[in-house]
């Protein structure tokens, strides 16, 4: 890593031309994490790493896993250099995660052809700009409500996104990268498992990262067969609880886009609170 501060690194990334790739997004989140924990360290002054719990939804879960992979390599490097990382990621919460084989999902199958169309993101971006020019913002909100069925508050956020300077182009460009890159399970057992009992973990004063996965019962962004394969290969059994990821499937009919409706958001918020408590308890007890 460079000697630049977190804030400087975030700034340098933002000077990259839009749109940003999936790798750029991962780098951006990593830099923001460094910048935020650096600021918290200034306030704390204890010299201990800031304990962090990451939460990722959909592709955010893929970014979360990528960060753990990156932090694992940094941790091994910092041990060799007798340095201490500024943050200790004690928990990772993956909601309706798309971590492998996105292209096999129902929506991924529909979107595959988009990845092969040159300048598609630029075309749709231009089309959205024309639409936003012709319609008032209030009319755009009403149109989004009618087309998507979203309540007014969610439709207002969507309309703001459509009217933003580069949002549409960035979203489609990123989706193209996701379809091409988010394929097989690319993470080692070191990322998937908690290493609280390993000598490396004790030497670094960290309890490892507790992982929690909350899957949709019928999520259009990940095939049920893919989800079931990941659970079979990676989820903790009764004897492995606390070492391998805790995984469960939603049984309350919560959709992938739960955040668009308050009743669905409350279900997920309660589940996240449960996972946060479990991660904090594990960090305190070293289990």
C-alpha atoms as a PDB file:
ATOM      1  CA  UNK A   1       0.000   0.000   0.000  1.00  0.00           C
ATOM      2  CA  UNK A   2       1.102   3.540  -0.653  1.00  0.00           C
ATOM      3  CA  UNK A   3       1.968   6.121   1.972  1.00  0.00           C
ATOM      4  CA  UNK A   4      -0.960   8.323   0.985  1.00  0.00           C
ATOM      5  CA  UNK A   5      -3.666   8.936   3.554  1.00  0.00           C
ATOM      6  CA  UNK A   6      -7.084   7.361   3.150  1.00  0.00           C
ATOM      7  CA  UNK A   7      -8.617  10.667   2.103  1.00  0.00           C
ATOM      8  CA  UNK A   8      -5.954  11.222  -0.542  1.00  0.00           C
ATOM      9  CA  UNK A   9      -6.452   7.707  -1.887  1.00  0.00           C
ATOM     10  CA  UNK A  10     -10.208   8.205  -2.135  1.00  0.00           C
ATOM     11  CA  UNK A  11      -9.615  11.447  -3.992  1.00  0.00           C
ATOM     12  CA  UNK A  12      -7.234   9.832  -6.452  1.00  0.00           C
ATOM     13  CA  UNK A  13      -9.793   7.160  -7.258  1.00  0.00           C
ATOM     14  CA  UNK A  14     -12.466   9.741  -7.952  1.00  0.00           C
ATOM     15  CA  UNK A  15     -10.228  11.267 -10.593  1.00  0.00           C
ATOM     16  CA  UNK A  16     -10.636   8.095 -12.635  1.00  0.00           C
ATOM     17  CA  UNK A  17     -12.977   8.533 -15.583  1.00  0.00           C
ATOM     18  CA  UNK A  18     -16.553   7.344 -15.182  1.00  0.00           C
ATOM     19  CA  UNK A  19     -17.809   4.669 -15.522  1.00  0.00           C
ATOM     20  CA  UNK A  20     -15.923   2.610 -12.947  1.00  0.00           C
ATOM     21  CA  UNK A  21     -15.420  -1.155 -13.224  1.00  0.00           C
ATOM     22  CA  UNK A  22     -16.238  -3.721 -10.537  1.00  0.00           C
ATOM     23  CA  UNK A  23     -12.555  -3.722  -9.554  1.00  0.00           C
ATOM     24  CA  UNK A  24     -12.662   0.069  -9.228  1.00  0.00           C
ATOM     25  CA  UNK A  25     -15.708  -0.191  -6.961  1.00  0.00           C
ATOM     26  CA  UNK A  26     -13.938  -2.692  -4.710  1.00  0.00           C
ATOM     27  CA  UNK A  27     -10.905  -0.420  -4.552  1.00  0.00           C
ATOM     28  CA  UNK A  28     -13.133   2.541  -3.725  1.00  0.00           C
ATOM     29  CA  UNK A  29     -14.814   0.754  -0.809  1.00  0.00           C
ATOM     30  CA  UNK A  30     -11.427  -0.383   0.508  1.00  0.00           C
ATOM     31  CA  UNK A  31     -10.088   3.160   0.399  1.00  0.00           C
ATOM     32  CA  UNK A  32     -13.181   4.556   2.098  1.00  0.00           C
ATOM     33  CA  UNK A  33     -12.827   1.969   4.833  1.00  0.00           C
ATOM     34  CA  UNK A  34      -9.191   2.993   5.352  1.00  0.00           C
ATOM     35  CA  UNK A  35     -10.107   6.690   5.422  1.00  0.00           C
ATOM     36  CA  UNK A  36     -12.974   6.189   7.884  1.00  0.00           C
ATOM     37  CA  UNK A  37     -11.016   3.980  10.283  1.00  0.00           C
ATOM     38  CA  UNK A  38      -8.080   6.394  10.138  1.00  0.00           C
ATOM     39  CA  UNK A  39     -10.379   9.206  11.301  1.00  0.00           C
ATOM     40  CA  UNK A  40     -11.829   7.033  14.066  1.00  0.00           C
ATOM     41  CA  UNK A  41      -8.308   6.096  15.193  1.00  0.00           C
ATOM     42  CA  UNK A  42      -7.502   9.784  15.661  1.00  0.00           C
ATOM     43  CA  UNK A  43     -10.465  10.108  18.040  1.00  0.00           C
ATOM     44  CA  UNK A  44      -9.799   6.830  19.879  1.00  0.00           C
ATOM     45  CA  UNK A  45      -6.014   7.198  20.428  1.00  0.00           C
ATOM     46  CA  UNK A  46      -5.818   3.742  22.008  1.00  0.00           C
ATOM     47  CA  UNK A  47      -3.628   2.390  19.237  1.00  0.00           C
ATOM     48  CA  UNK A  48      -5.935  -0.602  18.773  1.00  0.00           C
ATOM     49  CA  UNK A  49      -7.426  -1.440  15.372  1.00  0.00           C
ATOM     50  CA  UNK A  50     -10.976  -0.196  14.872  1.00  0.00           C
ATOM     51  CA  UNK A  51     -13.417  -3.088  14.933  1.00  0.00           C
ATOM     52  CA  UNK A  52     -15.688  -3.083  11.898  1.00  0.00           C
ATOM     53  CA  UNK A  53     -18.752  -5.010  10.762  1.00  0.00           C
ATOM     54  CA  UNK A  54     -19.423  -4.843   7.028  1.00  0.00           C
ATOM     55  CA  UNK A  55     -22.886  -5.272   5.502  1.00  0.00           C
ATOM     56  CA  UNK A  56     -23.345  -5.948   1.810  1.00  0.00           C
ATOM     57  CA  UNK A  57     -26.530  -6.374  -0.228  1.00  0.00           C
ATOM     58  CA  UNK A  58     -26.575  -8.227  -3.561  1.00  0.00           C
ATOM     59  CA  UNK A  59     -23.313  -7.378  -5.381  1.00  0.00           C
ATOM     60  CA  UNK A  60     -22.295  -5.613  -2.176  1.00  0.00           C
ATOM     61  CA  UNK A  61     -21.811  -9.097  -0.713  1.00  0.00           C
ATOM     62  CA  UNK A  62     -19.331  -9.866  -3.503  1.00  0.00           C
ATOM     63  CA  UNK A  63     -17.491  -6.620  -2.716  1.00  0.00           C
ATOM     64  CA  UNK A  64     -17.499  -7.585   0.977  1.00  0.00           C
ATOM     65  CA  UNK A  65     -15.930 -10.974   0.245  1.00  0.00           C
ATOM     66  CA  UNK A  66     -13.379  -9.319  -2.028  1.00  0.00           C
ATOM     67  CA  UNK A  67     -12.438  -6.941   0.788  1.00  0.00           C
ATOM     68  CA  UNK A  68     -11.903  -9.873   3.151  1.00  0.00           C
ATOM     69  CA  UNK A  69      -9.647 -11.465   0.554  1.00  0.00           C
ATOM     70  CA  UNK A  70      -7.711  -8.209   0.209  1.00  0.00           C
ATOM     71  CA  UNK A  71      -7.480  -7.719   3.975  1.00  0.00           C
ATOM     72  CA  UNK A  72      -6.226 -11.278   4.411  1.00  0.00           C
ATOM     73  CA  UNK A  73      -3.331 -10.611   2.075  1.00  0.00           C
ATOM     74  CA  UNK A  74      -2.640  -7.279   3.782  1.00  0.00           C
ATOM     75  CA  UNK A  75      -2.745  -8.951   7.201  1.00  0.00           C
ATOM     76  CA  UNK A  76      -0.141 -11.500   6.187  1.00  0.00           C
ATOM     77  CA  UNK A  77       2.009  -8.720   4.769  1.00  0.00           C
ATOM     78  CA  UNK A  78       1.657  -6.508   7.851  1.00  0.00           C
ATOM     79  CA  UNK A  79       2.649  -9.422  10.068  1.00  0.00           C
ATOM     80  CA  UNK A  80       5.829  -9.837   8.063  1.00  0.00           C
ATOM     81  CA  UNK A  81       6.536  -6.113   8.377  1.00  0.00           C
ATOM     82  CA  UNK A  82       5.599  -5.961  12.080  1.00  0.00           C
ATOM     83  CA  UNK A  83       2.831  -3.486  11.258  1.00  0.00           C
ATOM     84  CA  UNK A  84      -0.745  -3.383  12.496  1.00  0.00           C
ATOM     85  CA  UNK A  85      -3.699  -2.790  10.209  1.00  0.00           C
ATOM     86  CA  UNK A  86      -5.963   0.147  11.167  1.00  0.00           C
ATOM     87  CA  UNK A  87      -9.140  -1.966  11.099  1.00  0.00           C
ATOM     88  CA  UNK A  88     -10.221  -5.391  12.303  1.00  0.00           C
ATOM     89  CA  UNK A  89     -13.235  -6.694  10.350  1.00  0.00           C
ATOM     90  CA  UNK A  90     -14.992  -8.795  12.983  1.00  0.00           C
ATOM     91  CA  UNK A  91     -18.178  -9.426  11.012  1.00  0.00           C
ATOM     92  CA  UNK A  92     -19.494  -9.637   7.474  1.00  0.00           C
ATOM     93  CA  UNK A  93     -23.245  -9.694   6.786  1.00  0.00           C
ATOM     94  CA  UNK A  94     -24.311 -10.674   3.259  1.00  0.00           C
ATOM     95  CA  UNK A  95     -27.943  -9.964   2.373  1.00  0.00           C
ATOM     96  CA  UNK A  96     -29.508 -11.629  -0.686  1.00  0.00           C
ATOM     97  CA  UNK A  97     -25.928 -12.185  -1.822  1.00  0.00           C
ATOM     98  CA  UNK A  98     -24.795 -12.579  -5.409  1.00  0.00           C
ATOM     99  CA  UNK A  99     -21.340 -13.964  -4.764  1.00  0.00           C
ATOM    100  CA  UNK A 100     -21.009 -16.623  -7.478  1.00  0.00           C
ATOM    101  CA  UNK A 101     -22.469 -17.426 -10.920  1.00  0.00           C
ATOM    102  CA  UNK A 102     -24.531 -14.274 -11.363  1.00  0.00           C
ATOM    103  CA  UNK A 103     -24.890 -15.118 -15.053  1.00  0.00           C
ATOM    104  CA  UNK A 104     -26.883 -18.273 -14.179  1.00  0.00           C
ATOM    105  CA  UNK A 105     -29.585 -16.375 -12.275  1.00  0.00           C
ATOM    106  CA  UNK A 106     -32.946 -15.628 -13.940  1.00  0.00           C
ATOM    107  CA  UNK A 107     -32.068 -11.935 -14.304  1.00  0.00           C
ATOM    108  CA  UNK A 108     -28.470 -12.774 -15.190  1.00  0.00           C
ATOM    109  CA  UNK A 109     -29.647 -14.897 -18.105  1.00  0.00           C
ATOM    110  CA  UNK A 110     -31.756 -12.012 -19.378  1.00  0.00           C
ATOM    111  CA  UNK A 111     -28.857  -9.583 -18.979  1.00  0.00           C
ATOM    112  CA  UNK A 112     -26.144 -11.680 -20.644  1.00  0.00           C
ATOM    113  CA  UNK A 113     -26.761 -10.258 -24.076  1.00  0.00           C
ATOM    114  CA  UNK A 114     -26.320  -6.701 -22.752  1.00  0.00           C
ATOM    115  CA  UNK A 115     -22.694  -7.444 -21.867  1.00  0.00           C
ATOM    116  CA  UNK A 116     -21.929  -8.004 -25.554  1.00  0.00           C
ATOM    117  CA  UNK A 117     -23.552  -4.872 -26.962  1.00  0.00           C
ATOM    118  CA  UNK A 118     -20.997  -2.096 -27.644  1.00  0.00           C
ATOM    119  CA  UNK A 119     -21.856   1.309 -26.154  1.00  0.00           C
ATOM    120  CA  UNK A 120     -25.133  -0.009 -24.700  1.00  0.00           C
ATOM    121  CA  UNK A 121     -24.598   1.807 -21.388  1.00  0.00           C
ATOM    122  CA  UNK A 122     -23.938   5.087 -23.195  1.00  0.00           C
ATOM    123  CA  UNK A 123     -27.065   4.651 -25.337  1.00  0.00           C
ATOM    124  CA  UNK A 124     -29.378   3.995 -22.363  1.00  0.00           C
ATOM    125  CA  UNK A 125     -27.705   6.824 -20.424  1.00  0.00           C
ATOM    126  CA  UNK A 126     -28.495   9.231 -23.279  1.00  0.00           C
ATOM    127  CA  UNK A 127     -32.064   7.936 -23.510  1.00  0.00           C
ATOM    128  CA  UNK A 128     -32.570   8.529 -19.787  1.00  0.00           C
ATOM    129  CA  UNK A 129     -31.218  12.066 -20.131  1.00  0.00           C
ATOM    130  CA  UNK A 130     -33.719  12.820 -22.903  1.00  0.00           C
ATOM    131  CA  UNK A 131     -36.557  11.449 -20.768  1.00  0.00           C
ATOM    132  CA  UNK A 132     -35.490  13.532 -17.766  1.00  0.00           C
ATOM    133  CA  UNK A 133     -35.322  16.632 -19.963  1.00  0.00           C
ATOM    134  CA  UNK A 134     -38.839  16.139 -21.307  1.00  0.00           C
ATOM    135  CA  UNK A 135     -40.478  15.357 -17.959  1.00  0.00           C
ATOM    136  CA  UNK A 136     -40.626  17.331 -14.743  1.00  0.00           C
ATOM    137  CA  UNK A 137     -39.199  15.554 -11.726  1.00  0.00           C
ATOM    138  CA  UNK A 138     -42.680  15.048 -10.271  1.00  0.00           C
ATOM    139  CA  UNK A 139     -43.840  13.473 -13.531  1.00  0.00           C
ATOM    140  CA  UNK A 140     -40.774  11.254 -13.574  1.00  0.00           C
ATOM    141  CA  UNK A 141     -41.582  10.036 -10.050  1.00  0.00           C
ATOM    142  CA  UNK A 142     -45.146   9.204 -11.123  1.00  0.00           C
ATOM    143  CA  UNK A 143     -43.841   7.338 -14.167  1.00  0.00           C
ATOM    144  CA  UNK A 144     -41.461   5.282 -12.016  1.00  0.00           C
ATOM    145  CA  UNK A 145     -44.300   4.493  -9.603  1.00  0.00           C
ATOM    146  CA  UNK A 146     -46.482   3.273 -12.443  1.00  0.00           C
ATOM    147  CA  UNK A 147     -43.792   1.196 -14.175  1.00  0.00           C
ATOM    148  CA  UNK A 148     -42.207  -0.400 -11.099  1.00  0.00           C
ATOM    149  CA  UNK A 149     -44.973  -0.450  -8.507  1.00  0.00           C
ATOM    150  CA  UNK A 150     -42.653   1.223  -6.011  1.00  0.00           C
ATOM    151  CA  UNK A 151     -44.153   3.407  -3.256  1.00  0.00           C
ATOM    152  CA  UNK A 152     -43.594   7.149  -3.604  1.00  0.00           C
ATOM    153  CA  UNK A 153     -40.530   7.352  -1.353  1.00  0.00           C
ATOM    154  CA  UNK A 154     -38.694   4.576  -3.214  1.00  0.00           C
ATOM    155  CA  UNK A 155     -39.832   5.930  -6.590  1.00  0.00           C
ATOM    156  CA  UNK A 156     -38.416   9.347  -5.667  1.00  0.00           C
ATOM    157  CA  UNK A 157     -35.009   7.779  -4.971  1.00  0.00           C
ATOM    158  CA  UNK A 158     -35.155   5.886  -8.273  1.00  0.00           C
ATOM    159  CA  UNK A 159     -36.125   9.044 -10.158  1.00  0.00           C
ATOM    160  CA  UNK A 160     -33.234  10.936  -8.551  1.00  0.00           C
ATOM    161  CA  UNK A 161     -30.905   8.180  -9.695  1.00  0.00           C
ATOM    162  CA  UNK A 162     -32.271   8.363 -13.260  1.00  0.00           C
ATOM    163  CA  UNK A 163     -31.777  12.137 -13.264  1.00  0.00           C
ATOM    164  CA  UNK A 164     -28.231  11.969 -11.877  1.00  0.00           C
ATOM    165  CA  UNK A 165     -25.260  12.925 -14.036  1.00  0.00           C
ATOM    166  CA  UNK A 166     -23.779   9.459 -14.589  1.00  0.00           C
ATOM    167  CA  UNK A 167     -25.885   7.014 -12.560  1.00  0.00           C
ATOM    168  CA  UNK A 168     -27.580   5.120 -15.387  1.00  0.00           C
ATOM    169  CA  UNK A 169     -24.425   4.718 -17.455  1.00  0.00           C
ATOM    170  CA  UNK A 170     -22.462   3.617 -14.391  1.00  0.00           C
ATOM    171  CA  UNK A 171     -25.104   1.071 -13.353  1.00  0.00           C
ATOM    172  CA  UNK A 172     -25.299  -0.613 -16.768  1.00  0.00           C
ATOM    173  CA  UNK A 173     -21.531  -0.568 -17.244  1.00  0.00           C
ATOM    174  CA  UNK A 174     -21.071  -2.165 -13.825  1.00  0.00           C
ATOM    175  CA  UNK A 175     -23.729  -4.783 -14.593  1.00  0.00           C
ATOM    176  CA  UNK A 176     -21.766  -5.748 -17.704  1.00  0.00           C
ATOM    177  CA  UNK A 177     -18.666  -6.311 -15.585  1.00  0.00           C
ATOM    178  CA  UNK A 178     -20.632  -8.256 -12.958  1.00  0.00           C
ATOM    179  CA  UNK A 179     -22.041 -10.690 -15.533  1.00  0.00           C
ATOM    180  CA  UNK A 180     -18.551 -11.351 -16.915  1.00  0.00           C
ATOM    181  CA  UNK A 181     -16.583 -11.475 -13.644  1.00  0.00           C
ATOM    182  CA  UNK A 182     -18.895 -12.883 -10.944  1.00  0.00           C
ATOM    183  CA  UNK A 183     -18.615 -16.543 -11.878  1.00  0.00           C
ATOM    184  CA  UNK A 184     -17.066 -19.395  -9.897  1.00  0.00           C
ATOM    185  CA  UNK A 185     -16.214 -19.267  -6.191  1.00  0.00           C
ATOM    186  CA  UNK A 186     -12.906 -17.402  -6.278  1.00  0.00           C
ATOM    187  CA  UNK A 187     -12.170 -17.221  -2.539  1.00  0.00           C
ATOM    188  CA  UNK A 188      -9.972 -19.542  -0.534  1.00  0.00           C
ATOM    189  CA  UNK A 189     -10.914 -21.297   2.690  1.00  0.00           C
ATOM    190  CA  UNK A 190      -9.087 -18.519   4.559  1.00  0.00           C
ATOM    191  CA  UNK A 191     -11.793 -16.091   3.428  1.00  0.00           C
ATOM    192  CA  UNK A 192     -14.741 -18.414   4.004  1.00  0.00           C
ATOM    193  CA  UNK A 193     -13.742 -19.585   7.483  1.00  0.00           C
ATOM    194  CA  UNK A 194     -13.132 -17.806  10.765  1.00  0.00           C
ATOM    195  CA  UNK A 195      -9.536 -18.140  11.917  1.00  0.00           C
ATOM    196  CA  UNK A 196     -10.003 -17.208  15.575  1.00  0.00           C
ATOM    197  CA  UNK A 197      -8.227 -20.359  16.737  1.00  0.00           C
ATOM    198  CA  UNK A 198      -5.246 -20.035  14.413  1.00  0.00           C
ATOM    199  CA  UNK A 199      -1.826 -18.885  15.605  1.00  0.00           C
ATOM    200  CA  UNK A 200      -1.799 -16.171  12.951  1.00  0.00           C
ATOM    201  CA  UNK A 201      -5.063 -14.728  14.270  1.00  0.00           C
ATOM    202  CA  UNK A 202      -3.871 -14.702  17.885  1.00  0.00           C
ATOM    203  CA  UNK A 203      -0.574 -13.098  16.916  1.00  0.00           C
ATOM    204  CA  UNK A 204      -2.470 -10.300  15.207  1.00  0.00           C
ATOM    205  CA  UNK A 205      -4.869  -9.728  18.096  1.00  0.00           C
ATOM    206  CA  UNK A 206      -7.940 -10.398  15.942  1.00  0.00           C
ATOM    207  CA  UNK A 207     -10.849 -12.791  16.391  1.00  0.00           C
ATOM    208  CA  UNK A 208     -11.363 -13.385  12.696  1.00  0.00           C
ATOM    209  CA  UNK A 209     -14.397 -12.427  10.654  1.00  0.00           C
ATOM    210  CA  UNK A 210     -17.761 -13.998  11.422  1.00  0.00           C
ATOM    211  CA  UNK A 211     -19.771 -14.374   8.223  1.00  0.00           C
ATOM    212  CA  UNK A 212     -23.563 -14.379   7.989  1.00  0.00           C
ATOM    213  CA  UNK A 213     -25.552 -15.029   4.813  1.00  0.00           C
ATOM    214  CA  UNK A 214     -29.269 -14.282   4.465  1.00  0.00           C
ATOM    215  CA  UNK A 215     -30.573 -15.721   1.192  1.00  0.00           C
ATOM    216  CA  UNK A 216     -33.842 -15.096  -0.623  1.00  0.00           C
ATOM    217  CA  UNK A 217     -36.226 -18.042  -0.980  1.00  0.00           C
ATOM    218  CA  UNK A 218     -36.606 -17.388  -4.697  1.00  0.00           C
ATOM    219  CA  UNK A 219     -34.157 -14.622  -5.583  1.00  0.00           C
ATOM    220  CA  UNK A 220     -34.146 -13.601  -9.255  1.00  0.00           C
ATOM    221  CA  UNK A 221     -30.504 -12.482  -8.948  1.00  0.00           C
ATOM    222  CA  UNK A 222     -29.123 -15.882  -7.954  1.00  0.00           C
ATOM    223  CA  UNK A 223     -30.315 -19.287  -9.109  1.00  0.00           C
ATOM    224  CA  UNK A 224     -31.749 -21.496  -6.374  1.00  0.00           C
ATOM    225  CA  UNK A 225     -29.398 -24.273  -7.487  1.00  0.00           C
ATOM    226  CA  UNK A 226     -26.411 -21.925  -7.106  1.00  0.00           C
ATOM    227  CA  UNK A 227     -27.562 -20.826  -3.654  1.00  0.00           C
ATOM    228  CA  UNK A 228     -28.085 -24.416  -2.520  1.00  0.00           C
ATOM    229  CA  UNK A 229     -24.637 -25.426  -3.834  1.00  0.00           C
ATOM    230  CA  UNK A 230     -22.940 -22.628  -1.889  1.00  0.00           C
ATOM    231  CA  UNK A 231     -24.834 -23.569   1.279  1.00  0.00           C
ATOM    232  CA  UNK A 232     -23.883 -27.215   0.874  1.00  0.00           C
ATOM    233  CA  UNK A 233     -20.211 -26.385   0.313  1.00  0.00           C
ATOM    234  CA  UNK A 234     -19.685 -23.464   2.675  1.00  0.00           C
ATOM    235  CA  UNK A 235     -22.344 -23.201   5.400  1.00  0.00           C
ATOM    236  CA  UNK A 236     -21.612 -24.237   8.963  1.00  0.00           C
ATOM    237  CA  UNK A 237     -23.036 -27.457  10.335  1.00  0.00           C
ATOM    238  CA  UNK A 238     -23.972 -27.735  14.002  1.00  0.00           C
ATOM    239  CA  UNK A 239     -20.393 -28.704  14.886  1.00  0.00           C
ATOM    240  CA  UNK A 240     -18.877 -25.947  12.716  1.00  0.00           C
ATOM    241  CA  UNK A 241     -21.001 -23.024  13.924  1.00  0.00           C
ATOM    242  CA  UNK A 242     -18.713 -20.069  14.589  1.00  0.00           C
ATOM    243  CA  UNK A 243     -16.012 -21.317  12.225  1.00  0.00           C
ATOM    244  CA  UNK A 244     -17.843 -21.519   8.911  1.00  0.00           C
ATOM    245  CA  UNK A 245     -20.445 -18.950   7.771  1.00  0.00           C
ATOM    246  CA  UNK A 246     -23.912 -18.973   9.278  1.00  0.00           C
ATOM    247  CA  UNK A 247     -26.376 -19.245   6.397  1.00  0.00           C
ATOM    248  CA  UNK A 248     -30.155 -19.196   6.337  1.00  0.00           C
ATOM    249  CA  UNK A 249     -32.905 -18.756   3.765  1.00  0.00           C
ATOM    250  CA  UNK A 250     -35.645 -16.174   4.235  1.00  0.00           C
ATOM    251  CA  UNK A 251     -39.016 -17.784   4.996  1.00  0.00           C
ATOM    252  CA  UNK A 252     -41.088 -14.608   5.213  1.00  0.00           C
ATOM    253  CA  UNK A 253     -41.452 -13.804   1.527  1.00  0.00           C
ATOM    254  CA  UNK A 254     -38.901 -10.977   1.622  1.00  0.00           C
ATOM    255  CA  UNK A 255     -37.875  -9.885  -1.902  1.00  0.00           C
ATOM    256  CA  UNK A 256     -34.403  -9.020  -3.179  1.00  0.00           C
ATOM    257  CA  UNK A 257     -35.364  -5.318  -3.284  1.00  0.00           C
ATOM    258  CA  UNK A 258     -36.579  -5.361   0.326  1.00  0.00           C
ATOM    259  CA  UNK A 259     -35.430  -1.782   0.860  1.00  0.00           C
ATOM    260  CA  UNK A 260     -38.242  -0.361  -1.305  1.00  0.00           C
ATOM    261  CA  UNK A 261     -40.937  -1.187   1.273  1.00  0.00           C
ATOM    262  CA  UNK A 262     -40.893  -0.494   5.048  1.00  0.00           C
ATOM    263  CA  UNK A 263     -42.386  -3.835   6.126  1.00  0.00           C
ATOM    264  CA  UNK A 264     -39.714  -5.774   4.230  1.00  0.00           C
ATOM    265  CA  UNK A 265     -36.984  -3.433   5.443  1.00  0.00           C
ATOM    266  CA  UNK A 266     -38.012  -4.055   9.061  1.00  0.00           C
ATOM    267  CA  UNK A 267     -37.627  -7.817   8.607  1.00  0.00           C
ATOM    268  CA  UNK A 268     -34.101  -7.455   7.275  1.00  0.00           C
ATOM    269  CA  UNK A 269     -33.159  -4.785   9.845  1.00  0.00           C
ATOM    270  CA  UNK A 270     -34.109  -7.142  12.677  1.00  0.00           C
ATOM    271  CA  UNK A 271     -32.076  -9.936  11.109  1.00  0.00           C
ATOM    272  CA  UNK A 272     -29.044  -7.644  10.702  1.00  0.00           C
ATOM    273  CA  UNK A 273     -29.331  -6.572  14.345  1.00  0.00           C
ATOM    274  CA  UNK A 274     -29.277 -10.252  15.328  1.00  0.00           C
ATOM    275  CA  UNK A 275     -26.126 -10.859  13.299  1.00  0.00           C
ATOM    276  CA  UNK A 276     -24.417  -7.737  14.651  1.00  0.00           C
ATOM    277  CA  UNK A 277     -25.037  -8.875  18.219  1.00  0.00           C
ATOM    278  CA  UNK A 278     -23.613 -12.300  17.387  1.00  0.00           C
ATOM    279  CA  UNK A 279     -20.489 -10.825  15.778  1.00  0.00           C
ATOM    280  CA  UNK A 280     -19.864  -8.458  18.694  1.00  0.00           C
ATOM    281  CA  UNK A 281     -20.326 -11.253  21.228  1.00  0.00           C
ATOM    282  CA  UNK A 282     -17.913 -13.486  19.323  1.00  0.00           C
ATOM    283  CA  UNK A 283     -15.322 -10.703  19.174  1.00  0.00           C
ATOM    284  CA  UNK A 284     -15.588 -10.114  22.923  1.00  0.00           C
ATOM    285  CA  UNK A 285     -15.346 -13.763  23.882  1.00  0.00           C
ATOM    286  CA  UNK A 286     -12.842 -14.788  21.212  1.00  0.00           C
ATOM    287  CA  UNK A 287     -15.116 -17.520  19.911  1.00  0.00           C
END
